[in-house]
N, C-alpha and C. Protein backbone atom coordinates (compact mmCIF):
# COMPACT_ATOMS: atom_id res chain seq x y z
N MET A 1 34.28 27.15 68.75
CA MET A 1 33.05 27.17 69.53
C MET A 1 31.83 27.17 68.62
N LYS A 2 31.86 27.92 67.54
CA LYS A 2 30.71 27.95 66.64
C LYS A 2 30.49 26.59 65.98
N ILE A 3 31.56 25.85 65.72
CA ILE A 3 31.42 24.54 65.10
C ILE A 3 30.67 23.61 66.04
N ALA A 4 30.97 23.65 67.32
CA ALA A 4 30.29 22.80 68.28
C ALA A 4 28.79 23.13 68.30
N LEU A 5 28.44 24.40 68.21
CA LEU A 5 27.04 24.78 68.19
C LEU A 5 26.35 24.27 66.93
N LEU A 6 27.05 24.32 65.81
CA LEU A 6 26.49 23.82 64.56
C LEU A 6 26.25 22.32 64.63
N LEU A 7 27.17 21.59 65.22
CA LEU A 7 27.04 20.13 65.27
C LEU A 7 25.95 19.67 66.23
N THR A 8 25.63 20.48 67.24
CA THR A 8 24.61 20.09 68.20
C THR A 8 23.26 20.74 67.91
N TYR A 9 23.14 21.44 66.83
CA TYR A 9 21.91 22.14 66.48
C TYR A 9 20.80 21.14 66.18
N SER A 10 19.61 21.37 66.72
CA SER A 10 18.52 20.42 66.52
C SER A 10 17.34 21.02 65.76
N GLY A 11 17.50 22.22 65.19
CA GLY A 11 16.42 22.85 64.44
C GLY A 11 16.27 22.25 63.05
N ASP A 12 15.31 22.75 62.31
CA ASP A 12 15.06 22.25 60.96
C ASP A 12 15.77 23.14 59.96
N MET A 13 16.64 22.54 59.16
CA MET A 13 17.32 23.25 58.07
C MET A 13 17.03 22.52 56.78
N PHE A 14 16.98 23.28 55.71
CA PHE A 14 16.72 22.68 54.41
C PHE A 14 17.32 23.57 53.33
N VAL A 15 17.39 23.03 52.12
CA VAL A 15 17.89 23.78 50.97
C VAL A 15 16.69 24.33 50.21
N LYS A 16 16.79 25.60 49.85
CA LYS A 16 15.69 26.27 49.16
C LYS A 16 16.23 26.93 47.90
N ILE A 17 15.48 26.84 46.81
CA ILE A 17 15.86 27.50 45.56
C ILE A 17 14.99 28.74 45.41
N THR A 18 15.64 29.91 45.27
CA THR A 18 14.92 31.17 45.12
C THR A 18 15.29 31.82 43.79
N THR A 19 14.46 32.73 43.34
CA THR A 19 14.75 33.45 42.10
C THR A 19 14.87 34.93 42.38
N SER A 20 15.74 35.56 41.63
CA SER A 20 15.90 37.01 41.67
C SER A 20 16.10 37.44 40.23
N GLY A 21 15.07 37.99 39.65
CA GLY A 21 15.12 38.30 38.22
C GLY A 21 15.23 37.02 37.43
N PRO A 22 16.17 36.96 36.49
CA PRO A 22 16.31 35.74 35.67
C PRO A 22 17.15 34.64 36.33
N ARG A 23 17.76 34.94 37.47
CA ARG A 23 18.67 33.98 38.11
C ARG A 23 18.02 33.21 39.25
N CYS A 24 18.50 31.97 39.45
CA CYS A 24 18.05 31.12 40.56
C CYS A 24 19.23 30.89 41.49
N TYR A 25 18.97 30.93 42.79
CA TYR A 25 20.01 30.74 43.81
C TYR A 25 19.64 29.60 44.74
N VAL A 26 20.67 28.92 45.25
CA VAL A 26 20.49 27.83 46.21
C VAL A 26 20.88 28.38 47.58
N LYS A 27 19.98 28.22 48.56
CA LYS A 27 20.22 28.77 49.89
C LYS A 27 19.99 27.71 50.96
N LEU A 28 20.78 27.79 52.03
CA LEU A 28 20.58 26.95 53.20
C LEU A 28 19.70 27.77 54.15
N VAL A 29 18.54 27.23 54.50
CA VAL A 29 17.53 27.98 55.26
C VAL A 29 17.20 27.25 56.56
N GLU A 30 16.98 28.03 57.61
CA GLU A 30 16.57 27.49 58.91
C GLU A 30 15.11 27.85 59.17
N ALA A 31 14.32 26.89 59.58
CA ALA A 31 12.93 27.13 59.98
C ALA A 31 12.90 27.25 61.50
N TYR A 32 12.21 28.26 62.01
CA TYR A 32 12.14 28.47 63.45
C TYR A 32 10.83 29.18 63.78
N ARG A 33 10.54 29.30 65.06
CA ARG A 33 9.36 30.05 65.51
C ARG A 33 9.83 31.26 66.30
N ASP A 34 9.23 32.41 66.03
CA ASP A 34 9.61 33.61 66.76
C ASP A 34 8.97 33.60 68.16
N ALA A 35 9.16 34.68 68.91
CA ALA A 35 8.67 34.77 70.30
C ALA A 35 7.15 34.62 70.38
N ALA A 36 6.44 35.02 69.32
CA ALA A 36 4.98 34.92 69.30
C ALA A 36 4.51 33.54 68.82
N GLY A 37 5.45 32.66 68.46
CA GLY A 37 5.08 31.33 68.00
C GLY A 37 4.79 31.23 66.52
N VAL A 38 5.08 32.31 65.78
CA VAL A 38 4.84 32.33 64.34
C VAL A 38 6.01 31.66 63.63
N SER A 39 5.71 30.78 62.68
CA SER A 39 6.74 30.09 61.92
C SER A 39 7.46 31.07 60.99
N ARG A 40 8.80 31.03 61.01
CA ARG A 40 9.61 31.93 60.19
C ARG A 40 10.73 31.14 59.52
N GLN A 41 11.34 31.75 58.51
CA GLN A 41 12.52 31.17 57.87
C GLN A 41 13.62 32.20 57.86
N ARG A 42 14.87 31.71 58.07
CA ARG A 42 16.03 32.60 58.08
C ARG A 42 17.09 31.97 57.18
N VAL A 43 17.68 32.78 56.27
CA VAL A 43 18.74 32.28 55.39
C VAL A 43 20.03 32.20 56.18
N ILE A 44 20.61 31.00 56.25
CA ILE A 44 21.87 30.78 56.93
C ILE A 44 23.03 31.04 55.99
N ALA A 45 22.93 30.58 54.74
CA ALA A 45 23.99 30.78 53.76
C ALA A 45 23.42 30.69 52.36
N THR A 46 23.96 31.52 51.47
CA THR A 46 23.65 31.39 50.05
C THR A 46 24.77 30.56 49.45
N LEU A 47 24.41 29.42 48.86
CA LEU A 47 25.40 28.48 48.36
C LEU A 47 25.85 28.77 46.94
N GLY A 48 25.16 29.66 46.25
CA GLY A 48 25.55 30.05 44.90
C GLY A 48 24.40 29.96 43.93
N ARG A 49 24.71 30.25 42.67
CA ARG A 49 23.70 30.16 41.62
C ARG A 49 23.39 28.70 41.33
N LEU A 50 22.15 28.43 40.99
CA LEU A 50 21.69 27.07 40.73
C LEU A 50 22.51 26.40 39.64
N GLU A 51 22.81 27.12 38.56
CA GLU A 51 23.57 26.50 37.46
C GLU A 51 24.99 26.12 37.90
N SER A 52 25.59 26.88 38.82
CA SER A 52 26.92 26.54 39.33
C SER A 52 26.86 25.31 40.22
N VAL A 53 25.84 25.24 41.05
CA VAL A 53 25.69 24.08 41.94
C VAL A 53 25.44 22.82 41.10
N ARG A 54 24.62 22.92 40.09
CA ARG A 54 24.33 21.76 39.23
C ARG A 54 25.57 21.33 38.45
N ALA A 55 26.46 22.27 38.16
CA ALA A 55 27.68 21.95 37.41
C ALA A 55 28.74 21.30 38.30
N GLY A 56 28.46 21.17 39.60
CA GLY A 56 29.40 20.51 40.50
C GLY A 56 30.36 21.44 41.19
N GLU A 57 30.17 22.76 41.04
CA GLU A 57 31.09 23.72 41.64
C GLU A 57 30.93 23.82 43.15
N ALA A 58 29.88 23.22 43.72
CA ALA A 58 29.66 23.28 45.17
C ALA A 58 30.06 21.98 45.87
N ASP A 59 30.70 21.06 45.15
CA ASP A 59 31.06 19.78 45.74
C ASP A 59 31.98 19.92 46.95
N SER A 60 32.94 20.83 46.89
CA SER A 60 33.86 20.99 48.03
C SER A 60 33.12 21.53 49.25
N LEU A 61 32.15 22.42 49.04
CA LEU A 61 31.35 22.94 50.15
C LEU A 61 30.53 21.82 50.78
N VAL A 62 29.90 21.00 49.95
CA VAL A 62 29.09 19.89 50.45
C VAL A 62 29.96 18.91 51.22
N ASN A 63 31.12 18.59 50.68
CA ASN A 63 32.03 17.66 51.37
C ASN A 63 32.49 18.23 52.71
N GLY A 64 32.74 19.52 52.78
CA GLY A 64 33.14 20.15 54.04
C GLY A 64 32.04 20.07 55.09
N LEU A 65 30.79 20.29 54.68
CA LEU A 65 29.67 20.18 55.60
C LEU A 65 29.49 18.74 56.07
N LEU A 66 29.67 17.79 55.18
CA LEU A 66 29.57 16.38 55.57
C LEU A 66 30.67 16.00 56.56
N ARG A 67 31.91 16.46 56.31
CA ARG A 67 33.00 16.18 57.24
C ARG A 67 32.71 16.79 58.61
N ALA A 68 32.20 18.02 58.64
CA ALA A 68 31.90 18.69 59.91
C ALA A 68 30.82 17.95 60.68
N ALA A 69 29.91 17.31 59.96
CA ALA A 69 28.84 16.55 60.60
C ALA A 69 29.27 15.12 60.94
N GLY A 70 30.50 14.74 60.57
CA GLY A 70 30.99 13.39 60.87
C GLY A 70 30.39 12.33 59.98
N LYS A 71 29.97 12.71 58.77
CA LYS A 71 29.36 11.76 57.84
C LYS A 71 30.31 11.51 56.67
N PRO A 72 30.11 10.41 55.96
CA PRO A 72 30.99 10.14 54.82
C PRO A 72 30.83 11.19 53.73
N THR A 73 31.92 11.54 53.09
CA THR A 73 31.88 12.54 52.02
C THR A 73 31.45 11.88 50.72
N MET A 74 31.12 12.73 49.75
CA MET A 74 30.70 12.24 48.44
C MET A 74 31.90 11.62 47.73
N ALA A 75 31.66 10.56 47.02
CA ALA A 75 32.72 9.96 46.21
C ALA A 75 32.87 10.78 44.94
N VAL A 76 34.08 11.18 44.66
CA VAL A 76 34.35 11.95 43.45
C VAL A 76 34.97 11.00 42.45
N GLU A 77 34.32 10.87 41.32
CA GLU A 77 34.80 9.96 40.29
C GLU A 77 35.76 10.72 39.38
N VAL A 78 36.97 10.22 39.26
CA VAL A 78 37.97 10.84 38.41
C VAL A 78 38.10 9.99 37.16
N LYS A 79 37.86 10.61 36.03
CA LYS A 79 37.94 9.88 34.77
C LYS A 79 39.23 10.28 34.06
N PRO A 80 40.15 9.32 33.88
CA PRO A 80 41.38 9.66 33.18
C PRO A 80 41.11 9.93 31.71
N VAL A 81 41.87 10.85 31.15
CA VAL A 81 41.75 11.18 29.75
C VAL A 81 42.84 10.41 29.02
N VAL A 82 42.42 9.55 28.10
CA VAL A 82 43.36 8.71 27.37
C VAL A 82 43.14 8.93 25.89
N ALA A 83 44.19 9.22 25.18
CA ALA A 83 44.09 9.39 23.73
C ALA A 83 44.69 8.17 23.05
N PHE A 84 43.97 7.62 22.10
CA PHE A 84 44.43 6.45 21.37
C PHE A 84 44.71 6.85 19.92
N LYS A 85 45.81 6.31 19.39
CA LYS A 85 46.09 6.51 17.97
C LYS A 85 45.96 5.18 17.27
N GLU A 86 45.38 5.19 16.12
CA GLU A 86 45.22 3.95 15.37
C GLU A 86 46.30 3.79 14.36
């Protein structure tokens, strides 16, 4: 049931980079208006540290979100390791 709600959601979501001390974090954030009409932001999920996301450690999470949205997943390039002797 929650997946259906996520797929039909029409609000504004975006990725935000925040800092806490020396570390940077990547967060999925929702923009909304409260009962008084004031614009607010709510953190939906913390995706991890920025350096981990940049290193590709969040690829499986991104692919899962793309699959849930019915969109094509990211192409993962696999490079074979070949050793040559002369």
